[in-house]
């Protein structure tokens, strides 16, 4: 049970860091991500995706945001 507790604590900490970083979303750099986080549902989805990229792919939060932008915006390709 301690492992689950630790995982939940880590998830809470990383989620808070993600939400802090998303406050500085720049539509000039990541228009699709910024548009998606403008609704509660979109923000929840973006946070979950970032958590997945951070946890499963070992990306930083910034790298995850760029990856999501590259996958959702056919007009841009940002360097990771």
N, C-alpha and C. Protein backbone atom coordinates (compact mmCIF):
# COMPACT_ATOMS: atom_id res chain seq x y z
N UNK A 1 0.81 -1.20 0.00
CA UNK A 1 0.00 0.00 0.00
C UNK A 1 0.85 1.26 0.00
N UNK A 2 2.05 1.20 0.61
CA UNK A 2 2.92 2.37 0.67
C UNK A 2 3.33 2.80 -0.73
N UNK A 3 3.57 1.82 -1.63
CA UNK A 3 3.95 2.14 -2.99
C UNK A 3 2.85 2.94 -3.69
N UNK A 4 1.60 2.53 -3.55
CA UNK A 4 0.49 3.27 -4.14
C UNK A 4 0.40 4.68 -3.59
N UNK A 5 0.64 4.80 -2.29
CA UNK A 5 0.62 6.12 -1.66
C UNK A 5 1.72 7.00 -2.23
N UNK A 6 2.91 6.44 -2.40
CA UNK A 6 4.02 7.19 -2.97
C UNK A 6 3.75 7.60 -4.41
N UNK A 7 3.16 6.70 -5.17
CA UNK A 7 2.83 6.99 -6.57
C UNK A 7 1.80 8.11 -6.63
N UNK A 8 0.79 8.05 -5.78
CA UNK A 8 -0.23 9.10 -5.76
C UNK A 8 0.37 10.45 -5.36
N UNK A 9 1.29 10.44 -4.40
CA UNK A 9 1.95 11.68 -3.99
C UNK A 9 2.77 12.25 -5.15
N UNK A 10 3.50 11.40 -5.82
CA UNK A 10 4.31 11.83 -6.95
C UNK A 10 3.42 12.38 -8.07
N UNK A 11 2.32 11.70 -8.34
CA UNK A 11 1.37 12.17 -9.36
C UNK A 11 0.83 13.56 -9.01
N UNK A 12 0.52 13.77 -7.74
CA UNK A 12 0.02 15.07 -7.29
C UNK A 12 1.06 16.16 -7.48
N UNK A 13 2.30 15.85 -7.14
CA UNK A 13 3.39 16.83 -7.29
C UNK A 13 3.62 17.16 -8.76
N UNK A 14 3.69 16.14 -9.60
CA UNK A 14 3.93 16.37 -11.03
C UNK A 14 2.75 17.10 -11.67
N UNK A 15 1.54 16.77 -11.27
CA UNK A 15 0.35 17.46 -11.80
C UNK A 15 0.40 18.95 -11.45
N UNK A 16 0.80 19.27 -10.25
CA UNK A 16 0.92 20.68 -9.84
C UNK A 16 1.98 21.39 -10.69
N UNK A 17 3.08 20.71 -10.98
CA UNK A 17 4.13 21.29 -11.82
C UNK A 17 3.64 21.50 -13.25
N UNK A 18 2.87 20.54 -13.75
CA UNK A 18 2.30 20.66 -15.10
C UNK A 18 1.37 21.86 -15.16
N UNK A 19 0.48 21.97 -14.19
CA UNK A 19 -0.47 23.08 -14.19
C UNK A 19 0.24 24.42 -14.09
N UNK A 20 1.31 24.48 -13.33
CA UNK A 20 2.10 25.71 -13.24
C UNK A 20 2.72 26.05 -14.59
N UNK A 21 3.28 25.07 -15.24
CA UNK A 21 3.92 25.31 -16.54
C UNK A 21 2.89 25.70 -17.61
N UNK A 22 1.70 25.11 -17.55
CA UNK A 22 0.66 25.44 -18.53
C UNK A 22 0.15 26.88 -18.38
N UNK A 23 0.37 27.49 -17.23
CA UNK A 23 -0.03 28.90 -17.04
C UNK A 23 0.71 29.80 -18.02
N UNK A 24 1.87 29.35 -18.47
CA UNK A 24 2.70 30.16 -19.36
C UNK A 24 2.60 29.73 -20.82
N UNK A 25 1.53 29.03 -21.14
CA UNK A 25 1.32 28.57 -22.51
C UNK A 25 1.31 29.76 -23.47
N UNK A 26 2.11 29.66 -24.52
CA UNK A 26 2.23 30.73 -25.50
C UNK A 26 1.62 30.26 -26.82
N UNK A 27 0.50 30.86 -27.21
CA UNK A 27 -0.17 30.44 -28.45
C UNK A 27 0.70 30.58 -29.71
N UNK A 28 1.70 31.43 -29.66
CA UNK A 28 2.60 31.56 -30.81
C UNK A 28 3.48 30.33 -30.97
N UNK A 29 3.79 29.69 -29.83
CA UNK A 29 4.66 28.51 -29.87
C UNK A 29 3.88 27.21 -29.92
N UNK A 30 2.82 27.12 -29.13
CA UNK A 30 2.04 25.87 -29.04
C UNK A 30 0.55 26.19 -29.12
N UNK A 31 0.09 26.58 -30.29
CA UNK A 31 -1.31 27.01 -30.42
C UNK A 31 -2.34 25.93 -30.10
N UNK A 32 -2.06 24.69 -30.50
CA UNK A 32 -3.05 23.63 -30.25
C UNK A 32 -3.16 23.32 -28.77
N UNK A 33 -2.02 23.22 -28.10
CA UNK A 33 -2.03 22.94 -26.66
C UNK A 33 -2.74 24.07 -25.93
N UNK A 34 -2.40 25.31 -26.26
CA UNK A 34 -3.03 26.46 -25.59
C UNK A 34 -4.55 26.47 -25.82
N UNK A 35 -4.95 26.13 -27.03
CA UNK A 35 -6.38 26.08 -27.33
C UNK A 35 -7.06 24.98 -26.52
N UNK A 36 -6.41 23.83 -26.44
CA UNK A 36 -7.00 22.71 -25.71
C UNK A 36 -7.15 23.00 -24.22
N UNK A 37 -6.19 23.72 -23.63
CA UNK A 37 -6.28 23.96 -22.19
C UNK A 37 -7.25 25.10 -21.84
N UNK A 38 -7.87 25.68 -22.86
CA UNK A 38 -8.81 26.77 -22.60
C UNK A 38 -10.16 26.27 -22.07
N UNK A 39 -10.37 24.95 -22.12
CA UNK A 39 -11.59 24.37 -21.54
C UNK A 39 -11.18 23.40 -20.43
N UNK A 40 -12.03 23.22 -19.43
CA UNK A 40 -11.69 22.28 -18.36
C UNK A 40 -11.44 20.86 -18.87
N UNK A 41 -12.24 20.42 -19.83
CA UNK A 41 -12.08 19.08 -20.37
C UNK A 41 -10.77 18.94 -21.13
N UNK A 42 -10.46 19.95 -21.93
CA UNK A 42 -9.22 19.94 -22.69
C UNK A 42 -8.00 19.98 -21.79
N UNK A 43 -8.08 20.80 -20.75
CA UNK A 43 -6.96 20.89 -19.81
C UNK A 43 -6.74 19.56 -19.11
N UNK A 44 -7.83 18.93 -18.70
CA UNK A 44 -7.72 17.61 -18.04
C UNK A 44 -7.05 16.60 -18.97
N UNK A 45 -7.43 16.61 -20.23
CA UNK A 45 -6.85 15.69 -21.22
C UNK A 45 -5.36 15.97 -21.42
N UNK A 46 -5.01 17.25 -21.55
CA UNK A 46 -3.60 17.62 -21.74
C UNK A 46 -2.77 17.21 -20.53
N UNK A 47 -3.27 17.46 -19.33
CA UNK A 47 -2.55 17.09 -18.11
C UNK A 47 -2.32 15.58 -18.08
N UNK A 48 -3.35 14.81 -18.42
CA UNK A 48 -3.21 13.34 -18.44
C UNK A 48 -2.19 12.90 -19.49
N UNK A 49 -2.21 13.52 -20.66
CA UNK A 49 -1.24 13.18 -21.70
C UNK A 49 0.18 13.50 -21.26
N UNK A 50 0.36 14.67 -20.65
CA UNK A 50 1.69 15.05 -20.18
C UNK A 50 2.16 14.07 -19.11
N UNK A 51 1.27 13.71 -18.18
CA UNK A 51 1.64 12.72 -17.17
C UNK A 51 2.09 11.42 -17.81
N UNK A 52 1.41 11.02 -18.86
CA UNK A 52 1.77 9.78 -19.57
C UNK A 52 3.15 9.90 -20.21
N UNK A 53 3.41 11.01 -20.87
CA UNK A 53 4.71 11.21 -21.52
C UNK A 53 5.83 11.29 -20.49
N UNK A 54 5.57 11.95 -19.38
CA UNK A 54 6.59 12.08 -18.33
C UNK A 54 6.84 10.72 -17.68
N UNK A 55 5.77 10.02 -17.33
CA UNK A 55 5.91 8.75 -16.63
C UNK A 55 6.36 7.60 -17.49
N UNK A 56 5.85 7.52 -18.70
CA UNK A 56 6.14 6.36 -19.56
C UNK A 56 7.30 6.58 -20.52
N UNK A 57 7.46 7.81 -20.99
CA UNK A 57 8.52 8.07 -21.98
C UNK A 57 9.72 8.78 -21.37
N UNK A 58 9.61 9.20 -20.12
CA UNK A 58 10.72 9.85 -19.46
C UNK A 58 11.00 11.26 -19.96
N UNK A 59 10.00 11.87 -20.59
CA UNK A 59 10.18 13.23 -21.09
C UNK A 59 10.00 14.24 -19.95
N UNK A 60 10.58 15.41 -20.14
CA UNK A 60 10.31 16.51 -19.23
C UNK A 60 8.91 17.04 -19.56
N UNK A 61 8.39 17.89 -18.71
CA UNK A 61 7.08 18.48 -18.97
C UNK A 61 7.13 19.29 -20.26
N UNK A 62 8.17 20.08 -20.44
CA UNK A 62 8.29 20.89 -21.65
C UNK A 62 8.38 20.02 -22.90
N UNK A 63 9.15 18.93 -22.83
CA UNK A 63 9.25 18.02 -23.98
C UNK A 63 7.89 17.40 -24.29
N UNK A 64 7.14 17.05 -23.26
CA UNK A 64 5.82 16.45 -23.47
C UNK A 64 4.88 17.44 -24.15
N UNK A 65 4.93 18.70 -23.74
CA UNK A 65 4.08 19.72 -24.37
C UNK A 65 4.43 19.84 -25.84
N UNK A 66 5.72 19.86 -26.17
CA UNK A 66 6.15 19.95 -27.56
C UNK A 66 5.71 18.71 -28.34
N UNK A 67 5.83 17.55 -27.74
CA UNK A 67 5.39 16.31 -28.41
C UNK A 67 3.91 16.36 -28.73
N UNK A 68 3.11 16.80 -27.77
CA UNK A 68 1.66 16.88 -27.98
C UNK A 68 1.35 17.89 -29.07
N UNK A 69 2.02 19.03 -29.07
CA UNK A 69 1.82 20.03 -30.12
C UNK A 69 2.16 19.45 -31.48
N UNK A 70 3.29 18.78 -31.57
CA UNK A 70 3.70 18.19 -32.86
C UNK A 70 2.70 17.15 -33.35
N UNK A 71 2.11 16.41 -32.44
CA UNK A 71 1.15 15.37 -32.82
C UNK A 71 -0.22 15.93 -33.20
N UNK A 72 -0.57 17.08 -32.66
CA UNK A 72 -1.91 17.61 -32.88
C UNK A 72 -1.97 18.74 -33.89
N UNK A 73 -0.83 19.32 -34.23
CA UNK A 73 -0.81 20.46 -35.14
C UNK A 73 -0.02 20.10 -36.40
N UNK A 74 -0.73 19.88 -37.51
CA UNK A 74 -0.04 19.49 -38.73
C UNK A 74 0.81 20.61 -39.35
N UNK A 75 0.63 21.84 -38.87
CA UNK A 75 1.35 22.97 -39.45
C UNK A 75 2.69 23.25 -38.80
N UNK A 76 2.95 22.62 -37.68
CA UNK A 76 4.20 22.91 -36.99
C UNK A 76 4.97 21.66 -36.68
N UNK A 77 6.25 21.86 -36.54
CA UNK A 77 7.09 20.81 -36.00
C UNK A 77 8.12 21.51 -35.13
N UNK A 78 8.00 21.35 -33.84
CA UNK A 78 8.90 22.00 -32.91
C UNK A 78 10.01 21.05 -32.52
N UNK A 79 11.16 21.59 -32.33
CA UNK A 79 12.30 20.78 -31.90
C UNK A 79 12.09 20.34 -30.46
N UNK A 80 12.41 19.10 -30.17
CA UNK A 80 12.26 18.58 -28.82
C UNK A 80 13.58 18.61 -28.08
